[in-house]
């Protein structure tokens, strides 16, 4: 029996064994590399190693394919998730922007309203302070007016008594008032129909200054029904002549009956400091001398 050797150090293998081994490979349909070893154990070991190598490769290829699919799925899922997150971010931004803008508008509007209200409050406070000042001024004016009214009434009463009852006329014995305009009211003893009024002043000859510029010039006479008659009835407007007779009588117009006579001096003969009256008389009957 012939034997074939691949390696001198290996155990020879019979043809029957080799053929048996080849037939097995042919039946399996796989192309195998030529086996030159004669050792039966070595032959089986080589066969198993080849099978083992091809099985691992298949498994690795399968695993690799699965991993690729997983990676593709993961990549697709990641892309989808990223797209979803991006879309959510866009939607959230678009929704929040109008909300934030509206909130900013409301905040700005509230700030403007608050500023306006503060300005109105400040204006009201200023007006209140001014009103208090005006009230204080009015109170002071009322006090002054009352005091002046009382003083004027007292002066008028004194003047009326003086100029109507004083028989002696000499320089300085008169009723004088500041400025060129003034008035006085004379209460009559009884209600009468006045016919005339007489104005008396000192002559220039006895005046210490040599003139009578303080004498009344333009004046008016009013008849009053009673002390509550504030308008009165005009009985005439006249002019006292400083260059004429010191005692001058003027005819009154009207037919009414009056209990008071009001004398209003409208101007004097040039004295800017005061005007003086020495005597005023009211006549029920027409006197002998009348200047009209």
C-alpha atoms as a PDB file:
ATOM      1  CA  UNK A   1       0.000   0.000   0.000  1.00  0.00           C
ATOM      2  CA  UNK A   2       1.363   3.352  -1.053  1.00  0.00           C
ATOM      3  CA  UNK A   3       1.429   6.230   1.330  1.00  0.00           C
ATOM      4  CA  UNK A   4       1.718   9.981   0.605  1.00  0.00           C
ATOM      5  CA  UNK A   5       3.565  12.235   2.921  1.00  0.00           C
ATOM      6  CA  UNK A   6       3.224  16.028   3.390  1.00  0.00           C
ATOM      7  CA  UNK A   7       5.549  16.275   6.216  1.00  0.00           C
ATOM      8  CA  UNK A   8       8.239  13.940   7.138  1.00  0.00           C
ATOM      9  CA  UNK A   9       7.545  14.369  10.775  1.00  0.00           C
ATOM     10  CA  UNK A  10       3.825  13.529  10.440  1.00  0.00           C
ATOM     11  CA  UNK A  11       2.184  10.088  10.575  1.00  0.00           C
ATOM     12  CA  UNK A  12       1.272   8.604   7.132  1.00  0.00           C
ATOM     13  CA  UNK A  13      -2.293   8.316   6.106  1.00  0.00           C
ATOM     14  CA  UNK A  14      -3.731   5.561   3.943  1.00  0.00           C
ATOM     15  CA  UNK A  15      -5.450   6.202   0.639  1.00  0.00           C
ATOM     16  CA  UNK A  16      -8.639   4.883   1.953  1.00  0.00           C
ATOM     17  CA  UNK A  17      -8.642   7.403   4.683  1.00  0.00           C
ATOM     18  CA  UNK A  18      -7.731  10.199   2.318  1.00  0.00           C
ATOM     19  CA  UNK A  19     -10.383   9.191  -0.113  1.00  0.00           C
ATOM     20  CA  UNK A  20     -12.895   8.909   2.613  1.00  0.00           C
ATOM     21  CA  UNK A  21     -12.057  12.367   3.690  1.00  0.00           C
ATOM     22  CA  UNK A  22     -12.239  13.776   0.160  1.00  0.00           C
ATOM     23  CA  UNK A  23     -15.575  12.120  -0.417  1.00  0.00           C
ATOM     24  CA  UNK A  24     -16.953  13.867   2.613  1.00  0.00           C
ATOM     25  CA  UNK A  25     -15.880  17.231   1.223  1.00  0.00           C
ATOM     26  CA  UNK A  26     -17.346  16.474  -2.136  1.00  0.00           C
ATOM     27  CA  UNK A  27     -20.677  15.533  -0.593  1.00  0.00           C
ATOM     28  CA  UNK A  28     -20.789  18.739   1.373  1.00  0.00           C
ATOM     29  CA  UNK A  29     -20.419  20.732  -1.837  1.00  0.00           C
ATOM     30  CA  UNK A  30     -17.721  22.954  -0.451  1.00  0.00           C
ATOM     31  CA  UNK A  31     -14.431  23.504  -2.126  1.00  0.00           C
ATOM     32  CA  UNK A  32     -11.649  22.671   0.210  1.00  0.00           C
ATOM     33  CA  UNK A  33      -8.035  23.307  -0.039  1.00  0.00           C
ATOM     34  CA  UNK A  34      -5.979  20.171  -0.664  1.00  0.00           C
ATOM     35  CA  UNK A  35      -5.088  18.378   2.480  1.00  0.00           C
ATOM     36  CA  UNK A  36      -1.574  17.028   2.373  1.00  0.00           C
ATOM     37  CA  UNK A  37      -1.265  15.893   5.941  1.00  0.00           C
ATOM     38  CA  UNK A  38      -1.339  12.211   6.681  1.00  0.00           C
ATOM     39  CA  UNK A  39      -2.252  12.643  10.258  1.00  0.00           C
ATOM     40  CA  UNK A  40      -5.952  11.922  10.842  1.00  0.00           C
ATOM     41  CA  UNK A  41      -6.098  14.056  13.934  1.00  0.00           C
ATOM     42  CA  UNK A  42      -4.484  16.961  12.154  1.00  0.00           C
ATOM     43  CA  UNK A  43      -7.002  16.640   9.314  1.00  0.00           C
ATOM     44  CA  UNK A  44      -9.969  16.876  11.616  1.00  0.00           C
ATOM     45  CA  UNK A  45      -8.420  19.811  13.425  1.00  0.00           C
ATOM     46  CA  UNK A  46      -7.903  21.744  10.184  1.00  0.00           C
ATOM     47  CA  UNK A  47     -11.456  21.045   9.095  1.00  0.00           C
ATOM     48  CA  UNK A  48     -12.904  22.260  12.368  1.00  0.00           C
ATOM     49  CA  UNK A  49     -10.750  25.418  12.286  1.00  0.00           C
ATOM     50  CA  UNK A  50     -12.006  26.272   8.826  1.00  0.00           C
ATOM     51  CA  UNK A  51     -15.596  25.762   9.876  1.00  0.00           C
ATOM     52  CA  UNK A  52     -15.023  27.812  12.975  1.00  0.00           C
ATOM     53  CA  UNK A  53     -13.517  30.734  11.012  1.00  0.00           C
ATOM     54  CA  UNK A  54     -16.365  30.812   8.507  1.00  0.00           C
ATOM     55  CA  UNK A  55     -19.021  30.751  11.312  1.00  0.00           C
ATOM     56  CA  UNK A  56     -17.486  33.646  13.166  1.00  0.00           C
ATOM     57  CA  UNK A  57     -17.341  35.721  10.001  1.00  0.00           C
ATOM     58  CA  UNK A  58     -21.006  35.117   9.336  1.00  0.00           C
ATOM     59  CA  UNK A  59     -21.920  36.046  12.851  1.00  0.00           C
ATOM     60  CA  UNK A  60     -19.824  39.178  12.695  1.00  0.00           C
ATOM     61  CA  UNK A  61     -21.349  40.118   9.360  1.00  0.00           C
ATOM     62  CA  UNK A  62     -24.816  39.544  10.761  1.00  0.00           C
ATOM     63  CA  UNK A  63     -24.060  41.573  13.842  1.00  0.00           C
ATOM     64  CA  UNK A  64     -22.563  44.304  11.687  1.00  0.00           C
ATOM     65  CA  UNK A  65     -25.686  44.397   9.542  1.00  0.00           C
ATOM     66  CA  UNK A  66     -27.879  44.574  12.613  1.00  0.00           C
ATOM     67  CA  UNK A  67     -25.755  47.344  14.046  1.00  0.00           C
ATOM     68  CA  UNK A  68     -25.957  49.261  10.782  1.00  0.00           C
ATOM     69  CA  UNK A  69     -29.720  48.919  10.825  1.00  0.00           C
ATOM     70  CA  UNK A  70     -29.810  50.031  14.441  1.00  0.00           C
ATOM     71  CA  UNK A  71     -27.559  52.955  13.628  1.00  0.00           C
ATOM     72  CA  UNK A  72     -29.809  53.903  10.718  1.00  0.00           C
ATOM     73  CA  UNK A  73     -32.864  53.613  12.939  1.00  0.00           C
ATOM     74  CA  UNK A  74     -31.154  55.616  15.651  1.00  0.00           C
ATOM     75  CA  UNK A  75     -30.027  58.229  13.161  1.00  0.00           C
ATOM     76  CA  UNK A  76     -33.533  58.451  11.738  1.00  0.00           C
ATOM     77  CA  UNK A  77     -35.014  58.615  15.205  1.00  0.00           C
ATOM     78  CA  UNK A  78     -32.497  61.262  16.244  1.00  0.00           C
ATOM     79  CA  UNK A  79     -33.270  63.303  13.169  1.00  0.00           C
ATOM     80  CA  UNK A  80     -36.983  63.007  13.860  1.00  0.00           C
ATOM     81  CA  UNK A  81     -36.461  63.949  17.492  1.00  0.00           C
ATOM     82  CA  UNK A  82     -34.284  66.871  16.483  1.00  0.00           C
ATOM     83  CA  UNK A  83     -36.890  68.006  13.988  1.00  0.00           C
ATOM     84  CA  UNK A  84     -39.600  67.655  16.619  1.00  0.00           C
ATOM     85  CA  UNK A  85     -37.534  69.587  19.152  1.00  0.00           C
ATOM     86  CA  UNK A  86     -36.733  72.258  16.596  1.00  0.00           C
ATOM     87  CA  UNK A  87     -40.396  72.539  15.636  1.00  0.00           C
ATOM     88  CA  UNK A  88     -41.376  72.734  19.283  1.00  0.00           C
ATOM     89  CA  UNK A  89     -38.784  75.452  19.844  1.00  0.00           C
ATOM     90  CA  UNK A  90     -40.033  77.412  16.841  1.00  0.00           C
ATOM     91  CA  UNK A  91     -43.644  77.096  17.957  1.00  0.00           C
ATOM     92  CA  UNK A  92     -42.765  78.031  21.532  1.00  0.00           C
ATOM     93  CA  UNK A  93     -40.780  81.031  20.347  1.00  0.00           C
ATOM     94  CA  UNK A  94     -43.583  82.185  18.051  1.00  0.00           C
ATOM     95  CA  UNK A  95     -46.125  81.760  20.820  1.00  0.00           C
ATOM     96  CA  UNK A  96     -44.017  83.433  23.468  1.00  0.00           C
ATOM     97  CA  UNK A  97     -42.981  86.378  21.330  1.00  0.00           C
ATOM     98  CA  UNK A  98     -46.520  87.793  20.951  1.00  0.00           C
ATOM     99  CA  UNK A  99     -47.172  87.086  24.606  1.00  0.00           C
ATOM    100  CA  UNK A 100     -44.001  88.841  25.687  1.00  0.00           C
ATOM    101  CA  UNK A 101     -44.679  91.688  23.264  1.00  0.00           C
ATOM    102  CA  UNK A 102     -48.221  92.042  24.554  1.00  0.00           C
ATOM    103  CA  UNK A 103     -46.986  91.941  28.129  1.00  0.00           C
ATOM    104  CA  UNK A 104     -44.420  94.622  27.348  1.00  0.00           C
ATOM    105  CA  UNK A 105     -47.136  96.742  25.735  1.00  0.00           C
ATOM    106  CA  UNK A 106     -49.373  96.308  28.766  1.00  0.00           C
ATOM    107  CA  UNK A 107     -46.482  97.168  31.079  1.00  0.00           C
ATOM    108  CA  UNK A 108     -45.654 100.265  29.057  1.00  0.00           C
ATOM    109  CA  UNK A 109     -49.314 101.277  28.981  1.00  0.00           C
ATOM    110  CA  UNK A 110     -49.636 100.812  32.732  1.00  0.00           C
ATOM    111  CA  UNK A 111     -46.476 102.844  33.233  1.00  0.00           C
ATOM    112  CA  UNK A 112     -47.850 105.663  31.072  1.00  0.00           C
ATOM    113  CA  UNK A 113     -51.170 105.603  32.942  1.00  0.00           C
ATOM    114  CA  UNK A 114     -49.339 105.678  36.265  1.00  0.00           C
ATOM    115  CA  UNK A 115     -47.217 108.606  35.118  1.00  0.00           C
ATOM    116  CA  UNK A 116     -50.349 110.444  33.942  1.00  0.00           C
ATOM    117  CA  UNK A 117     -52.138 109.826  37.240  1.00  0.00           C
ATOM    118  CA  UNK A 118     -49.121 111.001  39.220  1.00  0.00           C
ATOM    119  CA  UNK A 119     -49.041 114.158  37.117  1.00  0.00           C
ATOM    120  CA  UNK A 120     -52.760 114.743  37.733  1.00  0.00           C
ATOM    121  CA  UNK A 121     -52.272 114.222  41.466  1.00  0.00           C
ATOM    122  CA  UNK A 122     -49.373 116.680  41.482  1.00  0.00           C
ATOM    123  CA  UNK A 123     -51.487 119.214  39.592  1.00  0.00           C
ATOM    124  CA  UNK A 124     -54.366 118.766  42.036  1.00  0.00           C
ATOM    125  CA  UNK A 125     -52.003 119.262  44.959  1.00  0.00           C
ATOM    126  CA  UNK A 126     -50.712 122.476  43.411  1.00  0.00           C
ATOM    127  CA  UNK A 127     -54.264 123.670  42.805  1.00  0.00           C
ATOM    128  CA  UNK A 128     -55.157 122.779  46.390  1.00  0.00           C
ATOM    129  CA  UNK A 129     -52.229 124.798  47.717  1.00  0.00           C
ATOM    130  CA  UNK A 130     -53.237 127.733  45.512  1.00  0.00           C
ATOM    131  CA  UNK A 131     -56.847 127.383  46.655  1.00  0.00           C
ATOM    132  CA  UNK A 132     -55.746 127.517  50.283  1.00  0.00           C
ATOM    133  CA  UNK A 133     -53.735 130.642  49.536  1.00  0.00           C
ATOM    134  CA  UNK A 134     -56.717 132.198  47.754  1.00  0.00           C
ATOM    135  CA  UNK A 135     -58.998 131.333  50.670  1.00  0.00           C
ATOM    136  CA  UNK A 136     -56.542 132.908  53.095  1.00  0.00           C
ATOM    137  CA  UNK A 137     -56.342 135.995  50.871  1.00  0.00           C
ATOM    138  CA  UNK A 138     -60.136 136.217  50.649  1.00  0.00           C
ATOM    139  CA  UNK A 139     -60.434 135.878  54.419  1.00  0.00           C
ATOM    140  CA  UNK A 140     -57.929 138.666  54.908  1.00  0.00           C
ATOM    141  CA  UNK A 141     -59.706 140.790  52.313  1.00  0.00           C
ATOM    142  CA  UNK A 142     -63.048 140.150  53.988  1.00  0.00           C
ATOM    143  CA  UNK A 143     -61.607 141.188  57.329  1.00  0.00           C
ATOM    144  CA  UNK A 144     -60.114 144.312  55.805  1.00  0.00           C
ATOM    145  CA  UNK A 145     -63.359 145.042  53.974  1.00  0.00           C
ATOM    146  CA  UNK A 146     -65.420 144.683  57.135  1.00  0.00           C
ATOM    147  CA  UNK A 147     -63.018 146.878  59.070  1.00  0.00           C
ATOM    148  CA  UNK A 148     -62.941 149.484  56.317  1.00  0.00           C
ATOM    149  CA  UNK A 149     -66.732 149.396  56.007  1.00  0.00           C
ATOM    150  CA  UNK A 150     -67.148 149.949  59.714  1.00  0.00           C
ATOM    151  CA  UNK A 151     -64.599 152.745  59.660  1.00  0.00           C
ATOM    152  CA  UNK A 152     -66.273 154.368  56.649  1.00  0.00           C
ATOM    153  CA  UNK A 153     -69.680 154.177  58.295  1.00  0.00           C
ATOM    154  CA  UNK A 154     -68.291 155.706  61.454  1.00  0.00           C
ATOM    155  CA  UNK A 155     -66.532 158.414  59.463  1.00  0.00           C
ATOM    156  CA  UNK A 156     -69.669 159.069  57.451  1.00  0.00           C
ATOM    157  CA  UNK A 157     -71.729 159.331  60.588  1.00  0.00           C
ATOM    158  CA  UNK A 158     -69.235 161.705  62.136  1.00  0.00           C
ATOM    159  CA  UNK A 159     -68.941 163.683  58.906  1.00  0.00           C
ATOM    160  CA  UNK A 160     -72.697 163.909  58.478  1.00  0.00           C
ATOM    161  CA  UNK A 161     -73.090 165.116  62.002  1.00  0.00           C
ATOM    162  CA  UNK A 162     -70.220 167.567  61.584  1.00  0.00           C
ATOM    163  CA  UNK A 163     -71.130 169.090  58.251  1.00  0.00           C
ATOM    164  CA  UNK A 164     -74.830 169.251  58.982  1.00  0.00           C
ATOM    165  CA  UNK A 165     -74.733 170.586  62.536  1.00  0.00           C
ATOM    166  CA  UNK A 166     -71.529 172.597  62.712  1.00  0.00           C
ATOM    167  CA  UNK A 167     -72.533 176.275  62.607  1.00  0.00           C
ATOM    168  CA  UNK A 168     -69.032 177.693  62.774  1.00  0.00           C
ATOM    169  CA  UNK A 169     -66.838 177.344  59.717  1.00  0.00           C
ATOM    170  CA  UNK A 170     -63.123 178.052  60.009  1.00  0.00           C
ATOM    171  CA  UNK A 171     -60.017 176.497  58.406  1.00  0.00           C
ATOM    172  CA  UNK A 172     -59.522 172.896  59.502  1.00  0.00           C
ATOM    173  CA  UNK A 173     -62.952 172.449  61.083  1.00  0.00           C
ATOM    174  CA  UNK A 174     -64.152 170.124  58.313  1.00  0.00           C
ATOM    175  CA  UNK A 175     -64.562 166.519  57.231  1.00  0.00           C
ATOM    176  CA  UNK A 176     -61.687 165.460  54.957  1.00  0.00           C
ATOM    177  CA  UNK A 177     -61.251 162.156  53.139  1.00  0.00           C
ATOM    178  CA  UNK A 178     -58.236 160.822  51.164  1.00  0.00           C
ATOM    179  CA  UNK A 179     -58.033 161.438  47.441  1.00  0.00           C
ATOM    180  CA  UNK A 180     -60.437 163.302  45.203  1.00  0.00           C
ATOM    181  CA  UNK A 181     -63.448 160.971  45.475  1.00  0.00           C
ATOM    182  CA  UNK A 182     -65.588 160.058  48.455  1.00  0.00           C
ATOM    183  CA  UNK A 183     -69.138 159.882  49.733  1.00  0.00           C
ATOM    184  CA  UNK A 184     -71.261 160.348  52.819  1.00  0.00           C
ATOM    185  CA  UNK A 185     -74.884 159.717  53.799  1.00  0.00           C
ATOM    186  CA  UNK A 186     -76.956 162.195  55.814  1.00  0.00           C
ATOM    187  CA  UNK A 187     -79.933 160.882  57.763  1.00  0.00           C
ATOM    188  CA  UNK A 188     -82.787 163.379  57.767  1.00  0.00           C
ATOM    189  CA  UNK A 189     -84.914 164.079  60.800  1.00  0.00           C
ATOM    190  CA  UNK A 190     -87.989 162.961  58.903  1.00  0.00           C
ATOM    191  CA  UNK A 191     -88.909 161.665  55.468  1.00  0.00           C
ATOM    192  CA  UNK A 192     -89.233 164.701  53.206  1.00  0.00           C
ATOM    193  CA  UNK A 193     -89.347 165.738  49.588  1.00  0.00           C
ATOM    194  CA  UNK A 194     -85.954 167.470  49.263  1.00  0.00           C
ATOM    195  CA  UNK A 195     -85.940 170.533  47.031  1.00  0.00           C
ATOM    196  CA  UNK A 196     -82.363 171.833  47.289  1.00  0.00           C
ATOM    197  CA  UNK A 197     -78.942 171.224  48.842  1.00  0.00           C
ATOM    198  CA  UNK A 198     -76.344 173.779  50.009  1.00  0.00           C
ATOM    199  CA  UNK A 199     -72.573 173.207  49.963  1.00  0.00           C
ATOM    200  CA  UNK A 200     -70.325 175.448  52.042  1.00  0.00           C
ATOM    201  CA  UNK A 201     -66.533 175.800  51.995  1.00  0.00           C
ATOM    202  CA  UNK A 202     -64.100 178.367  53.374  1.00  0.00           C
ATOM    203  CA  UNK A 203     -63.120 181.276  51.095  1.00  0.00           C
ATOM    204  CA  UNK A 204     -59.612 181.538  49.712  1.00  0.00           C
ATOM    205  CA  UNK A 205     -59.075 184.687  51.741  1.00  0.00           C
ATOM    206  CA  UNK A 206     -58.932 182.794  55.032  1.00  0.00           C
ATOM    207  CA  UNK A 207     -57.262 179.652  53.705  1.00  0.00           C
ATOM    208  CA  UNK A 208     -53.762 179.104  55.196  1.00  0.00           C
ATOM    209  CA  UNK A 209     -52.498 178.036  51.773  1.00  0.00           C
ATOM    210  CA  UNK A 210     -54.123 180.869  49.860  1.00  0.00           C
ATOM    211  CA  UNK A 211     -56.240 178.496  47.768  1.00  0.00           C
ATOM    212  CA  UNK A 212     -59.056 175.965  48.202  1.00  0.00           C
ATOM    213  CA  UNK A 213     -57.933 173.149  45.909  1.00  0.00           C
ATOM    214  CA  UNK A 214     -59.362 170.626  48.370  1.00  0.00           C
ATOM    215  CA  UNK A 215     -62.897 171.949  47.797  1.00  0.00           C
ATOM    216  CA  UNK A 216     -65.277 169.574  45.953  1.00  0.00           C
ATOM    217  CA  UNK A 217     -65.805 170.217  42.275  1.00  0.00           C
ATOM    218  CA  UNK A 218     -68.066 167.651  40.580  1.00  0.00           C
ATOM    219  CA  UNK A 219     -70.585 165.959  42.887  1.00  0.00           C
ATOM    220  CA  UNK A 220     -73.919 164.108  42.768  1.00  0.00           C
ATOM    221  CA  UNK A 221     -76.892 163.974  45.138  1.00  0.00           C
ATOM    222  CA  UNK A 222     -78.960 160.791  45.634  1.00  0.00           C
ATOM    223  CA  UNK A 223     -82.141 160.270  47.612  1.00  0.00           C
ATOM    224  CA  UNK A 224     -82.424 157.045  49.659  1.00  0.00           C
ATOM    225  CA  UNK A 225     -85.709 155.616  50.909  1.00  0.00           C
ATOM    226  CA  UNK A 226     -84.114 153.944  53.914  1.00  0.00           C
ATOM    227  CA  UNK A 227     -80.804 152.510  55.105  1.00  0.00           C
ATOM    228  CA  UNK A 228     -81.282 149.424  52.917  1.00  0.00           C
ATOM    229  CA  UNK A 229     -81.674 151.445  49.729  1.00  0.00           C
ATOM    230  CA  UNK A 230     -78.231 150.909  48.175  1.00  0.00           C
ATOM    231  CA  UNK A 231     -78.991 152.157  44.666  1.00  0.00           C
ATOM    232  CA  UNK A 232     -80.800 155.385  45.486  1.00  0.00           C
ATOM    233  CA  UNK A 233     -82.450 157.902  43.186  1.00  0.00           C
ATOM    234  CA  UNK A 234     -80.294 160.459  41.379  1.00  0.00           C
ATOM    235  CA  UNK A 235     -81.508 163.962  42.222  1.00  0.00           C
ATOM    236  CA  UNK A 236     -78.864 165.854  40.266  1.00  0.00           C
ATOM    237  CA  UNK A 237     -75.201 166.335  39.334  1.00  0.00           C
ATOM    238  CA  UNK A 238     -73.591 169.687  40.034  1.00  0.00           C
ATOM    239  CA  UNK A 239     -70.331 171.668  40.067  1.00  0.00           C
ATOM    240  CA  UNK A 240     -69.139 173.666  43.046  1.00  0.00           C
ATOM    241  CA  UNK A 241     -67.342 176.834  41.897  1.00  0.00           C
ATOM    242  CA  UNK A 242     -64.177 177.412  43.940  1.00  0.00           C
ATOM    243  CA  UNK A 243     -63.962 180.952  42.588  1.00  0.00           C
ATOM    244  CA  UNK A 244     -67.532 181.798  43.496  1.00  0.00           C
ATOM    245  CA  UNK A 245     -69.392 182.361  46.738  1.00  0.00           C
ATOM    246  CA  UNK A 246     -68.314 179.998  49.564  1.00  0.00           C
ATOM    247  CA  UNK A 247     -71.976 179.064  50.172  1.00  0.00           C
ATOM    248  CA  UNK A 248     -73.695 177.656  47.085  1.00  0.00           C
ATOM    249  CA  UNK A 249     -77.199 176.135  46.835  1.00  0.00           C
ATOM    250  CA  UNK A 250     -78.331 173.705  44.099  1.00  0.00           C
ATOM    251  CA  UNK A 251     -81.829 172.779  42.976  1.00  0.00           C
ATOM    252  CA  UNK A 252     -82.739 169.079  43.154  1.00  0.00           C
ATOM    253  CA  UNK A 253     -84.812 167.201  40.591  1.00  0.00           C
ATOM    254  CA  UNK A 254     -87.449 164.619  41.375  1.00  0.00           C
ATOM    255  CA  UNK A 255     -90.625 164.473  43.430  1.00  0.00           C
ATOM    256  CA  UNK A 256     -89.953 161.456  45.662  1.00  0.00           C
ATOM    257  CA  UNK A 257     -89.845 161.377  49.446  1.00  0.00           C
ATOM    258  CA  UNK A 258     -86.621 160.264  51.106  1.00  0.00           C
ATOM    259  CA  UNK A 259     -85.303 159.726  54.605  1.00  0.00           C
ATOM    260  CA  UNK A 260     -81.596 159.862  53.620  1.00  0.00           C
ATOM    261  CA  UNK A 261     -79.498 162.042  51.328  1.00  0.00           C
ATOM    262  CA  UNK A 262     -76.278 160.684  49.814  1.00  0.00           C
ATOM    263  CA  UNK A 263     -73.499 163.032  48.670  1.00  0.00           C
ATOM    264  CA  UNK A 264     -70.935 161.601  46.229  1.00  0.00           C
ATOM    265  CA  UNK A 265     -67.901 163.777  45.506  1.00  0.00           C
ATOM    266  CA  UNK A 266     -66.546 162.904  42.060  1.00  0.00           C
ATOM    267  CA  UNK A 267     -63.579 165.307  41.897  1.00  0.00           C
ATOM    268  CA  UNK A 268     -61.945 168.293  43.588  1.00  0.00           C
ATOM    269  CA  UNK A 269     -60.039 171.398  42.473  1.00  0.00           C
ATOM    270  CA  UNK A 270     -56.602 169.811  42.241  1.00  0.00           C
ATOM    271  CA  UNK A 271     -55.618 168.507  45.649  1.00  0.00           C
ATOM    272  CA  UNK A 272     -54.457 164.901  45.138  1.00  0.00           C
ATOM    273  CA  UNK A 273     -54.027 164.158  48.825  1.00  0.00           C
ATOM    274  CA  UNK A 274     -57.495 164.895  50.212  1.00  0.00           C
ATOM    275  CA  UNK A 275     -60.875 166.583  49.725  1.00  0.00           C
ATOM    276  CA  UNK A 276     -62.606 168.631  52.421  1.00  0.00           C
ATOM    277  CA  UNK A 277     -66.252 169.402  53.152  1.00  0.00           C
ATOM    278  CA  UNK A 278     -67.220 172.073  55.666  1.00  0.00           C
ATOM    279  CA  UNK A 279     -71.013 172.064  55.646  1.00  0.00           C
ATOM    280  CA  UNK A 280     -73.909 170.432  53.739  1.00  0.00           C
ATOM    281  CA  UNK A 281     -77.557 171.392  54.230  1.00  0.00           C
ATOM    282  CA  UNK A 282     -80.693 169.848  52.753  1.00  0.00           C
ATOM    283  CA  UNK A 283     -83.734 172.067  52.161  1.00  0.00           C
ATOM    284  CA  UNK A 284     -87.330 171.025  52.255  1.00  0.00           C
ATOM    285  CA  UNK A 285     -88.506 174.400  50.977  1.00  0.00           C
ATOM    286  CA  UNK A 286     -86.774 176.383  48.254  1.00  0.00           C
ATOM    287  CA  UNK A 287     -84.289 178.862  49.798  1.00  0.00           C
ATOM    288  CA  UNK A 288     -84.111 182.470  48.667  1.00  0.00           C
ATOM    289  CA  UNK A 289     -80.882 182.104  46.625  1.00  0.00           C
ATOM    290  CA  UNK A 290     -80.488 179.090  44.374  1.00  0.00           C
ATOM    291  CA  UNK A 291     -77.734 178.369  41.901  1.00  0.00           C
ATOM    292  CA  UNK A 292     -78.823 176.008  39.162  1.00  0.00           C
END
